[in-house]
Amino acid sequence: MPRPQHAGAQRVRVRVVDAITRDDRKDVHVKVIGTGMNTFVTGDTDLRGVFSAEGVSGYPTAVARDAAGHSAFYRSEAVLALMAAPRLPESAARAAVERKSGKADYLSNVQSENRQIQMGNQVVLEQLYQQPQQRGVEVKKSH
């Protein structure tokens, strides 16, 4: 998976290999997004198992899925460090923006709140994935 040298990387090269045999995987669908982006760059791997994503802004996250339904996920370690970094409270961040520009920056506020919601949802999703799989049906109440 990709390993950029810095946050401003413009090209991300993703190499998809089989986890067991270590063979290159061709025709695998790959989606890449950077921390500074709102949309994914998508494509398929070539015969060498490589997909090159152009125009990626920020630290990358990549997801790959083959025709059989197998998937792979990569998130840059720098993204995890950014997520763990302490943040200013929303009101302090908003006040700093307003002091700097002299007016409220509504678009920036909405984008910031959306990012916080998405990160919170990601944490919940990861917690769901960590839970042991339950087999069968659990009945809570019967009439």
C-alpha atoms as a PDB file:
ATOM      1  CA  MET A   1       0.000   0.000   0.000  1.00  0.00           C
ATOM      2  CA  PRO A   2       1.067   3.653  -0.385  1.00  0.00           C
ATOM      3  CA  ARG A   3       3.773   5.273   1.723  1.00  0.00           C
ATOM      4  CA  PRO A   4       4.139   8.977   0.830  1.00  0.00           C
ATOM      5  CA  GLN A   5       7.154  10.994   1.910  1.00  0.00           C
ATOM      6  CA  HIS A   6       5.172  14.079   2.981  1.00  0.00           C
ATOM      7  CA  ALA A   7       1.660  15.487   3.309  1.00  0.00           C
ATOM      8  CA  GLY A   8       1.854  17.261  -0.064  1.00  0.00           C
ATOM      9  CA  ALA A   9       2.280  14.063  -2.102  1.00  0.00           C
ATOM     10  CA  GLN A  10       0.486  14.349  -5.456  1.00  0.00           C
ATOM     11  CA  ARG A  11       0.898  10.762  -6.688  1.00  0.00           C
ATOM     12  CA  VAL A  12       0.154   7.662  -4.639  1.00  0.00           C
ATOM     13  CA  ARG A  13       1.241   4.268  -5.902  1.00  0.00           C
ATOM     14  CA  VAL A  14      -0.737   1.338  -4.518  1.00  0.00           C
ATOM     15  CA  ARG A  15       0.592  -2.202  -4.956  1.00  0.00           C
ATOM     16  CA  VAL A  16      -1.897  -4.977  -4.203  1.00  0.00           C
ATOM     17  CA  VAL A  17      -0.544  -8.419  -3.315  1.00  0.00           C
ATOM     18  CA  ASP A  18      -2.143 -11.625  -2.049  1.00  0.00           C
ATOM     19  CA  ALA A  19      -1.623 -11.779   1.732  1.00  0.00           C
ATOM     20  CA  ILE A  20      -0.749 -15.480   1.678  1.00  0.00           C
ATOM     21  CA  THR A  21       1.091 -16.143  -1.581  1.00  0.00           C
ATOM     22  CA  ARG A  22       2.507 -12.584  -1.929  1.00  0.00           C
ATOM     23  CA  ASP A  23       1.592 -12.693  -5.650  1.00  0.00           C
ATOM     24  CA  ASP A  24       0.630  -9.454  -7.409  1.00  0.00           C
ATOM     25  CA  ARG A  25      -3.131  -9.036  -7.921  1.00  0.00           C
ATOM     26  CA  LYS A  26      -4.345  -7.634 -11.251  1.00  0.00           C
ATOM     27  CA  ASP A  27      -7.788  -6.121 -11.929  1.00  0.00           C
ATOM     28  CA  VAL A  28      -8.406  -5.154  -8.294  1.00  0.00           C
ATOM     29  CA  HIS A  29     -10.572  -2.042  -7.809  1.00  0.00           C
ATOM     30  CA  VAL A  30      -8.772   0.596  -5.711  1.00  0.00           C
ATOM     31  CA  LYS A  31     -10.042   3.819  -4.132  1.00  0.00           C
ATOM     32  CA  VAL A  32      -7.638   6.411  -2.721  1.00  0.00           C
ATOM     33  CA  ILE A  33      -8.430   9.596  -0.797  1.00  0.00           C
ATOM     34  CA  GLY A  34      -6.133  12.128   0.843  1.00  0.00           C
ATOM     35  CA  THR A  35      -6.731  14.104   4.025  1.00  0.00           C
ATOM     36  CA  GLY A  36      -7.130  17.259   1.946  1.00  0.00           C
ATOM     37  CA  MET A  37      -9.710  15.797  -0.441  1.00  0.00           C
ATOM     38  CA  ASN A  38     -13.472  15.378  -0.616  1.00  0.00           C
ATOM     39  CA  THR A  39     -13.629  12.759  -3.396  1.00  0.00           C
ATOM     40  CA  PHE A  40     -11.922   9.446  -4.105  1.00  0.00           C
ATOM     41  CA  VAL A  41      -9.520   8.693  -6.945  1.00  0.00           C
ATOM     42  CA  THR A  42     -10.523   5.266  -8.294  1.00  0.00           C
ATOM     43  CA  GLY A  43      -9.170   2.735 -10.744  1.00  0.00           C
ATOM     44  CA  ASP A  44      -8.008  -0.841 -11.208  1.00  0.00           C
ATOM     45  CA  THR A  45      -4.591  -2.419 -10.783  1.00  0.00           C
ATOM     46  CA  ASP A  46      -2.554  -3.305 -13.846  1.00  0.00           C
ATOM     47  CA  LEU A  47      -0.867  -6.645 -14.632  1.00  0.00           C
ATOM     48  CA  ARG A  48       1.784  -5.882 -11.990  1.00  0.00           C
ATOM     49  CA  GLY A  49      -0.864  -5.299  -9.301  1.00  0.00           C
ATOM     50  CA  VAL A  50      -0.159  -1.553  -9.275  1.00  0.00           C
ATOM     51  CA  PHE A  51      -2.554   1.401  -9.350  1.00  0.00           C
ATOM     52  CA  SER A  52      -1.211   4.957  -9.506  1.00  0.00           C
ATOM     53  CA  ALA A  53      -3.532   7.655  -8.129  1.00  0.00           C
ATOM     54  CA  GLU A  54      -2.789  11.162  -9.413  1.00  0.00           C
ATOM     55  CA  GLY A  55      -3.721  14.413  -7.684  1.00  0.00           C
ATOM     56  CA  VAL A  56      -3.906  13.090  -4.120  1.00  0.00           C
ATOM     57  CA  SER A  57      -3.760  15.929  -1.604  1.00  0.00           C
ATOM     58  CA  GLY A  58      -2.549  15.136   1.906  1.00  0.00           C
ATOM     59  CA  TYR A  59      -1.922  11.829   3.635  1.00  0.00           C
ATOM     60  CA  PRO A  60      -3.562   8.919   1.781  1.00  0.00           C
ATOM     61  CA  THR A  61      -6.043   6.247   2.744  1.00  0.00           C
ATOM     62  CA  ALA A  62      -6.564   3.387   0.258  1.00  0.00           C
ATOM     63  CA  VAL A  63      -9.175   0.638  -0.029  1.00  0.00           C
ATOM     64  CA  ALA A  64      -8.873  -2.264  -2.484  1.00  0.00           C
ATOM     65  CA  ARG A  65     -11.458  -4.925  -3.384  1.00  0.00           C
ATOM     66  CA  ASP A  66     -11.201  -7.780  -5.876  1.00  0.00           C
ATOM     67  CA  ALA A  67     -13.950  -9.581  -7.817  1.00  0.00           C
ATOM     68  CA  ALA A  68     -14.123 -12.370  -5.200  1.00  0.00           C
ATOM     69  CA  GLY A  69     -14.985  -9.833  -2.485  1.00  0.00           C
ATOM     70  CA  HIS A  70     -11.599  -9.836  -0.724  1.00  0.00           C
ATOM     71  CA  SER A  71     -10.592  -6.404   0.497  1.00  0.00           C
ATOM     72  CA  ALA A  72      -7.605  -4.521   1.870  1.00  0.00           C
ATOM     73  CA  PHE A  73      -7.341  -1.219   3.720  1.00  0.00           C
ATOM     74  CA  TYR A  74      -4.412   1.129   4.303  1.00  0.00           C
ATOM     75  CA  ARG A  75      -4.348   4.355   6.281  1.00  0.00           C
ATOM     76  CA  SER A  76      -1.211   6.476   6.505  1.00  0.00           C
ATOM     77  CA  GLU A  77       0.363   6.479   9.961  1.00  0.00           C
ATOM     78  CA  ALA A  78       0.457  10.265   9.762  1.00  0.00           C
ATOM     79  CA  VAL A  79      -3.367  10.328   9.548  1.00  0.00           C
ATOM     80  CA  LEU A  80      -3.567   8.364  12.784  1.00  0.00           C
ATOM     81  CA  ALA A  81      -1.167  10.813  14.417  1.00  0.00           C
ATOM     82  CA  LEU A  82      -3.298  13.739  13.224  1.00  0.00           C
ATOM     83  CA  MET A  83      -6.433  12.095  14.621  1.00  0.00           C
ATOM     84  CA  ALA A  84      -4.741  11.563  18.000  1.00  0.00           C
ATOM     85  CA  ALA A  85      -3.415  15.133  18.220  1.00  0.00           C
ATOM     86  CA  PRO A  86      -5.269  17.340  20.705  1.00  0.00           C
ATOM     87  CA  ARG A  87      -7.605  19.808  19.061  1.00  0.00           C
ATOM     88  CA  LEU A  88      -8.886  23.180  20.107  1.00  0.00           C
ATOM     89  CA  PRO A  89     -12.466  23.144  21.332  1.00  0.00           C
ATOM     90  CA  GLU A  90     -14.898  24.060  18.560  1.00  0.00           C
ATOM     91  CA  SER A  91     -15.782  27.403  20.071  1.00  0.00           C
ATOM     92  CA  ALA A  92     -12.099  28.378  20.415  1.00  0.00           C
ATOM     93  CA  ALA A  93     -11.357  27.333  16.841  1.00  0.00           C
ATOM     94  CA  ARG A  94     -14.379  29.238  15.556  1.00  0.00           C
ATOM     95  CA  ALA A  95     -13.423  32.338  17.530  1.00  0.00           C
ATOM     96  CA  ALA A  96      -9.860  32.197  16.166  1.00  0.00           C
ATOM     97  CA  VAL A  97     -11.157  32.055  12.574  1.00  0.00           C
ATOM     98  CA  GLU A  98     -13.584  34.915  13.190  1.00  0.00           C
ATOM     99  CA  ARG A  99     -10.870  37.072  14.806  1.00  0.00           C
ATOM    100  CA  LYS A 100      -8.511  36.392  11.911  1.00  0.00           C
ATOM    101  CA  SER A 101     -10.958  37.183   9.121  1.00  0.00           C
ATOM    102  CA  GLY A 102     -13.229  39.599  10.924  1.00  0.00           C
ATOM    103  CA  LYS A 103     -16.284  37.503   9.956  1.00  0.00           C
ATOM    104  CA  ALA A 104     -17.656  34.012  10.454  1.00  0.00           C
ATOM    105  CA  ASP A 105     -16.383  31.360   8.021  1.00  0.00           C
ATOM    106  CA  TYR A 106     -19.477  29.187   7.705  1.00  0.00           C
ATOM    107  CA  LEU A 107     -18.103  26.811   5.066  1.00  0.00           C
ATOM    108  CA  SER A 108     -15.049  26.082   7.184  1.00  0.00           C
ATOM    109  CA  ASN A 109     -17.278  25.497  10.221  1.00  0.00           C
ATOM    110  CA  VAL A 110     -19.450  23.014   8.333  1.00  0.00           C
ATOM    111  CA  GLN A 111     -16.421  21.175   6.931  1.00  0.00           C
ATOM    112  CA  SER A 112     -14.829  21.008  10.378  1.00  0.00           C
ATOM    113  CA  GLU A 113     -17.988  19.646  11.968  1.00  0.00           C
ATOM    114  CA  ASN A 114     -18.401  17.102   9.138  1.00  0.00           C
ATOM    115  CA  ARG A 115     -14.822  15.901   9.675  1.00  0.00           C
ATOM    116  CA  GLN A 116     -15.469  15.467  13.406  1.00  0.00           C
ATOM    117  CA  ILE A 117     -18.672  13.519  12.719  1.00  0.00           C
ATOM    118  CA  GLN A 118     -16.883  11.302  10.187  1.00  0.00           C
ATOM    119  CA  MET A 119     -14.026  10.590  12.603  1.00  0.00           C
ATOM    120  CA  GLY A 120     -16.517   9.737  15.350  1.00  0.00           C
ATOM    121  CA  ASN A 121     -18.373   7.420  12.985  1.00  0.00           C
ATOM    122  CA  GLN A 122     -15.070   5.784  12.017  1.00  0.00           C
ATOM    123  CA  VAL A 123     -14.304   5.084  15.693  1.00  0.00           C
ATOM    124  CA  VAL A 124     -17.750   3.523  16.191  1.00  0.00           C
ATOM    125  CA  LEU A 125     -17.336   1.415  13.044  1.00  0.00           C
ATOM    126  CA  GLU A 126     -13.921   0.178  14.152  1.00  0.00           C
ATOM    127  CA  GLN A 127     -15.389  -0.749  17.554  1.00  0.00           C
ATOM    128  CA  LEU A 128     -18.119  -2.736  15.788  1.00  0.00           C
ATOM    129  CA  TYR A 129     -15.478  -4.571  13.750  1.00  0.00           C
ATOM    130  CA  GLN A 130     -13.554  -5.381  16.951  1.00  0.00           C
ATOM    131  CA  GLN A 131     -16.564  -7.067  18.603  1.00  0.00           C
ATOM    132  CA  PRO A 132     -16.736 -10.867  18.391  1.00  0.00           C
ATOM    133  CA  GLN A 133     -19.112 -12.204  15.764  1.00  0.00           C
ATOM    134  CA  GLN A 134     -22.418 -13.459  17.141  1.00  0.00           C
ATOM    135  CA  ARG A 135     -23.987 -16.514  15.577  1.00  0.00           C
ATOM    136  CA  GLY A 136     -27.727 -17.002  15.414  1.00  0.00           C
ATOM    137  CA  VAL A 137     -30.482 -14.754  16.714  1.00  0.00           C
ATOM    138  CA  GLU A 138     -30.893 -13.331  20.186  1.00  0.00           C
ATOM    139  CA  VAL A 139     -34.466 -12.866  21.419  1.00  0.00           C
ATOM    140  CA  LYS A 140     -34.899  -9.960  23.806  1.00  0.00           C
ATOM    141  CA  LYS A 141     -38.639 -10.212  24.347  1.00  0.00           C
ATOM    142  CA  SER A 142     -41.439 -12.512  23.319  1.00  0.00           C
ATOM    143  CA  HIS A 143     -45.190 -11.900  23.355  1.00  0.00           C
END
